[in-house]
Amino acid sequence: MSGPPSGRGVLDGAFTVLGALETSGTPMRCAEITRATGIPKQTVSRLLTQLEDHGAVTRVGERFTLGSGLFRLGSRWSGARLAAVGQPVLAELHRRTAATVHLAVLVDDAVCYVAKLVGRDGDVAPSEVGLLQPPAGSAVGKVLLAGLPQERRKRALEAVTDRGIAKRTRAALDGFTRSGVAFDHEEVSDGLCCAAAPVLARHGAITGALSVSVPASRPLSPLTDQVRAAAKALSRLSGTVSP
């Protein structure tokens, strides 16, 4: 077996190699990538050469790591540009609340965090920029689910294995529709509470979710108006970001 020779197969192979490098987190030899992916060594070598030519990987001696070309491409993604445009709003919300501030978007029905500022209580939230998480349960997830067409939202909730969380999320969506803010009271992580509000495009569609996270021992309600106001401010700025 010589590996995928052309077309979709080459694209799949290239992304499989990039995925192995991402998972590793450290530079890998060609043989290590072969073992991790199951792609023949000759094919891996050819893919690495092509990816290196385009800046997607970088050679470090006899090893390879992700290259700066991926950063340049990623920075043009609408989620990354929303985070860049929204930096002043996130910084001001962080200053006013001293809470952990998140900005998230939806990627293939999963929550993707595109910005995070840790609050005065430390890193209380089990989140990470670039990390994909199920939307059910989290405050940002509820906001983003609310923006989905009915059938897609139903499909996303049906995929939730914890039926209790799915049921509570469905109920919370009605409350969000009325108040414009969604909450997470220790649903995702014990001892953690969050409030989130939607970032809207000019036509009213939900394009992101802005949240504050605090320990359960800290009152969340005083922060609700501030996260709502910050999300509105970011919505005004986000008109410069194309989907």
Protein backbone atom coordinates (compact mmCIF):
# COMPACT_ATOMS: atom_id res chain seq x y z
CA MET A 1 0.00 0.00 0.00
CA SER A 2 1.52 3.32 -1.12
CA GLY A 3 -1.02 5.67 0.46
CA PRO A 4 -3.48 8.10 -1.13
CA PRO A 5 -2.01 9.26 -4.46
CA SER A 6 -4.13 12.24 -5.42
CA GLY A 7 -7.22 14.36 -4.98
CA ARG A 8 -9.21 14.03 -1.77
CA GLY A 9 -6.83 11.27 -0.57
CA VAL A 10 -3.85 13.65 -0.54
CA LEU A 11 -5.85 16.28 1.34
CA ASP A 12 -6.97 13.71 3.90
CA GLY A 13 -3.41 12.46 4.27
CA ALA A 14 -2.01 15.97 4.75
CA PHE A 15 -4.53 16.80 7.46
CA THR A 16 -3.89 13.46 9.15
CA VAL A 17 -0.18 14.30 9.30
CA LEU A 18 -0.93 17.79 10.64
CA GLY A 19 -3.26 16.27 13.20
CA ALA A 20 -0.50 13.94 14.42
CA LEU A 21 1.87 16.90 14.83
CA GLU A 22 -0.81 18.84 16.70
CA THR A 23 -1.52 15.94 19.04
CA SER A 24 2.17 15.35 19.70
CA GLY A 25 2.91 18.94 20.64
CA THR A 26 6.61 18.27 20.02
CA PRO A 27 8.62 17.79 16.80
CA MET A 28 8.29 14.29 15.30
CA ARG A 29 10.41 12.14 13.02
CA CYS A 30 8.92 10.79 9.81
CA ALA A 31 8.88 7.26 11.28
CA GLU A 32 7.00 8.51 14.36
CA ILE A 33 4.36 10.16 12.18
CA THR A 34 4.05 6.92 10.22
CA ARG A 35 3.38 4.97 13.39
CA ALA A 36 0.93 7.57 14.68
CA THR A 37 -1.08 7.81 11.45
CA GLY A 38 -0.76 4.41 9.81
CA ILE A 39 0.22 6.13 6.56
CA PRO A 40 3.21 4.50 4.77
CA LYS A 41 6.54 6.18 5.45
CA GLN A 42 7.16 7.01 1.78
CA THR A 43 3.80 8.78 1.59
CA VAL A 44 4.41 10.63 4.87
CA SER A 45 7.79 11.80 3.58
CA ARG A 46 6.21 13.11 0.38
CA LEU A 47 3.42 14.86 2.27
CA LEU A 48 5.90 16.48 4.67
CA THR A 49 7.93 17.83 1.75
CA GLN A 50 4.81 19.36 0.20
CA LEU A 51 3.60 20.78 3.50
CA GLU A 52 7.04 22.24 4.17
CA ASP A 53 7.02 23.93 0.76
CA HIS A 54 3.80 25.71 1.77
CA GLY A 55 4.97 26.62 5.27
CA ALA A 56 2.48 24.28 6.96
CA VAL A 57 5.30 22.34 8.65
CA THR A 58 8.82 23.29 9.63
CA ARG A 59 11.85 21.01 9.71
CA VAL A 60 13.82 20.91 12.98
CA GLY A 61 16.85 18.76 12.23
CA GLU A 62 15.41 15.36 11.36
CA ARG A 63 12.05 16.18 12.94
CA PHE A 64 9.01 18.19 11.86
CA THR A 65 6.65 20.54 13.66
CA LEU A 66 3.71 22.75 12.67
CA GLY A 67 4.74 25.77 10.62
CA SER A 68 3.89 29.46 10.62
CA GLY A 69 1.88 29.11 7.41
CA LEU A 70 -0.92 27.58 9.45
CA PHE A 71 -0.97 30.61 11.73
CA ARG A 72 -1.25 32.96 8.76
CA LEU A 73 -4.18 30.97 7.38
CA GLY A 74 -5.81 30.60 10.79
CA SER A 75 -5.59 34.30 11.51
CA ARG A 76 -7.91 34.91 8.55
CA TRP A 77 -10.60 32.65 10.01
CA SER A 78 -13.64 34.65 11.12
CA GLY A 79 -13.38 33.34 14.69
CA ALA A 80 -9.79 34.52 15.01
CA ARG A 81 -10.65 37.90 13.50
CA LEU A 82 -13.59 38.28 15.90
CA ALA A 83 -11.18 37.68 18.78
CA ALA A 84 -8.73 40.24 17.37
CA VAL A 85 -11.40 42.90 16.80
CA GLY A 86 -12.92 42.23 20.21
CA GLN A 87 -9.72 42.52 22.26
CA PRO A 88 -10.53 45.99 23.68
CA VAL A 89 -14.03 44.88 24.71
CA LEU A 90 -12.76 41.70 26.35
CA ALA A 91 -10.02 43.61 28.16
CA GLU A 92 -12.49 46.17 29.51
CA LEU A 93 -14.93 43.47 30.66
CA HIS A 94 -12.03 41.68 32.34
CA ARG A 95 -10.96 44.89 34.07
CA ARG A 96 -14.46 45.74 35.29
CA THR A 97 -15.41 42.28 36.55
CA ALA A 98 -12.05 40.67 37.44
CA ALA A 99 -13.72 37.46 36.20
CA THR A 100 -12.38 34.99 33.68
CA VAL A 101 -13.62 36.17 30.28
CA HIS A 102 -14.27 33.88 27.31
CA LEU A 103 -15.17 34.46 23.68
CA ALA A 104 -16.45 31.40 21.80
CA VAL A 105 -17.85 30.49 18.39
CA LEU A 106 -19.50 27.37 17.03
CA VAL A 107 -17.46 24.95 14.90
CA ASP A 108 -19.32 21.91 13.55
CA ASP A 109 -21.83 22.06 16.42
CA ALA A 110 -19.03 22.25 19.01
CA VAL A 111 -17.95 25.23 21.10
CA CYS A 112 -14.55 26.62 20.13
CA TYR A 113 -12.94 29.13 22.49
CA VAL A 114 -11.15 31.85 20.53
CA ALA A 115 -10.11 34.09 23.46
CA LYS A 116 -9.65 33.72 27.21
CA LEU A 117 -8.55 36.16 29.92
CA VAL A 118 -8.01 34.64 33.37
CA GLY A 119 -9.63 36.50 36.27
CA ARG A 120 -8.47 37.36 39.77
CA ASP A 121 -9.53 33.95 41.12
CA GLY A 122 -7.08 32.15 38.83
CA ASP A 123 -7.78 29.72 36.02
CA VAL A 124 -11.04 28.38 37.40
CA ALA A 125 -12.46 27.29 34.01
CA PRO A 126 -11.52 24.00 32.27
CA SER A 127 -11.20 25.76 28.92
CA GLU A 128 -8.45 26.43 26.43
CA VAL A 129 -8.21 28.59 23.31
CA GLY A 130 -8.74 26.35 20.29
CA LEU A 131 -10.32 23.59 22.38
CA LEU A 132 -13.56 22.10 21.06
CA GLN A 133 -16.19 21.17 23.65
CA PRO A 134 -19.81 19.97 23.50
CA PRO A 135 -22.21 22.93 23.67
CA ALA A 136 -24.73 21.46 26.14
CA GLY A 137 -24.36 22.66 29.70
CA SER A 138 -21.99 25.59 29.24
CA ALA A 139 -23.29 29.16 29.18
CA VAL A 140 -21.56 29.96 25.87
CA GLY A 141 -22.84 26.69 24.44
CA LYS A 142 -26.44 27.57 25.29
CA VAL A 143 -26.06 30.95 23.59
CA LEU A 144 -24.58 29.39 20.45
CA LEU A 145 -27.21 26.63 20.36
CA ALA A 146 -29.92 29.27 20.54
CA GLY A 147 -28.60 30.70 17.27
CA LEU A 148 -28.93 27.44 15.35
CA PRO A 149 -31.83 26.50 13.10
CA GLN A 150 -34.30 24.27 14.94
CA GLU A 151 -33.32 21.00 13.21
CA ARG A 152 -29.60 21.52 13.70
CA ARG A 153 -30.13 22.44 17.35
CA LYS A 154 -32.22 19.31 17.85
CA ARG A 155 -29.50 17.19 16.26
CA ALA A 156 -26.82 18.71 18.48
CA LEU A 157 -28.84 18.06 21.64
CA GLU A 158 -29.69 14.51 20.61
CA ALA A 159 -25.96 13.81 20.44
CA VAL A 160 -25.57 14.65 24.16
CA THR A 161 -25.13 11.40 26.07
CA ASP A 162 -26.07 12.88 29.46
CA ARG A 163 -29.84 13.21 29.10
CA GLY A 164 -30.12 15.31 32.25
CA ILE A 165 -27.77 17.96 30.82
CA ALA A 166 -29.61 17.85 27.49
CA LYS A 167 -32.97 18.37 29.22
CA ARG A 168 -31.69 21.27 31.33
CA THR A 169 -30.11 22.87 28.26
CA ARG A 170 -33.40 22.74 26.36
CA ALA A 171 -35.16 24.41 29.27
CA ALA A 172 -32.41 27.03 29.58
CA LEU A 173 -32.81 28.03 25.94
CA ASP A 174 -36.30 29.36 26.70
CA GLY A 175 -34.90 31.46 29.54
CA PHE A 176 -32.14 32.79 27.31
CA THR A 177 -34.68 33.87 24.69
CA ARG A 178 -36.44 36.00 27.30
CA SER A 179 -33.42 37.49 29.10
CA GLY A 180 -30.67 37.55 26.48
CA VAL A 181 -28.26 35.89 28.94
CA ALA A 182 -27.53 32.19 29.48
CA PHE A 183 -26.13 30.67 32.66
CA ASP A 184 -24.12 27.69 33.82
CA HIS A 185 -24.48 26.95 37.52
CA GLU A 186 -21.88 24.21 38.06
CA GLU A 187 -23.23 22.14 35.13
CA VAL A 188 -19.90 21.77 33.35
CA SER A 189 -17.54 21.94 36.31
CA ASP A 190 -18.12 21.75 40.06
CA GLY A 191 -17.51 25.09 41.74
CA LEU A 192 -17.78 27.10 38.50
CA CYS A 193 -20.57 29.45 37.40
CA CYS A 194 -20.80 31.40 34.15
CA ALA A 195 -23.01 33.95 32.41
CA ALA A 196 -22.92 34.45 28.63
CA ALA A 197 -24.50 36.83 26.12
CA PRO A 198 -24.65 36.69 22.32
CA VAL A 199 -22.46 38.52 19.83
CA LEU A 200 -24.70 39.41 16.90
CA ALA A 201 -24.06 40.10 13.24
CA ARG A 202 -25.71 43.07 11.56
CA HIS A 203 -28.58 40.87 10.36
CA GLY A 204 -29.18 39.62 13.91
CA ALA A 205 -27.67 36.14 13.66
CA ILE A 206 -25.66 34.90 16.65
CA THR A 207 -22.02 34.69 15.58
CA GLY A 208 -20.36 34.27 18.97
CA ALA A 209 -20.83 34.14 22.73
CA LEU A 210 -19.10 36.28 25.35
CA SER A 211 -19.00 35.04 28.94
CA VAL A 212 -17.69 35.66 32.43
CA SER A 213 -16.76 32.76 34.73
CA VAL A 214 -16.38 32.91 38.50
CA PRO A 215 -16.15 30.46 41.40
CA ALA A 216 -19.56 29.37 42.71
CA SER A 217 -18.76 31.18 45.95
CA ARG A 218 -18.76 34.52 44.13
CA PRO A 219 -22.11 36.16 43.20
CA LEU A 220 -22.74 35.98 39.47
CA SER A 221 -25.84 38.18 39.16
CA PRO A 222 -23.94 41.52 39.57
CA LEU A 223 -21.95 40.66 36.44
CA THR A 224 -24.94 39.90 34.21
CA ASP A 225 -25.57 43.44 32.98
CA GLN A 226 -21.86 43.94 32.31
CA VAL A 227 -21.50 40.85 30.13
CA ARG A 228 -24.69 41.78 28.27
CA ALA A 229 -23.39 45.32 27.62
CA ALA A 230 -19.98 44.03 26.53
CA ALA A 231 -21.58 41.59 24.09
CA LYS A 232 -23.59 44.44 22.57
CA ALA A 233 -20.41 46.51 22.21
CA LEU A 234 -18.65 43.61 20.52
CA SER A 235 -21.65 43.10 18.24
CA ARG A 236 -21.22 46.66 17.00
CA LEU A 237 -17.53 46.05 16.32
CA SER A 238 -18.13 42.65 14.72
CA GLY A 239 -19.75 44.30 11.72
CA THR A 240 -16.19 44.54 10.42
CA VAL A 241 -15.80 40.73 10.54
CA SER A 242 -17.19 38.71 7.64
CA PRO A 243 -18.55 35.21 8.31
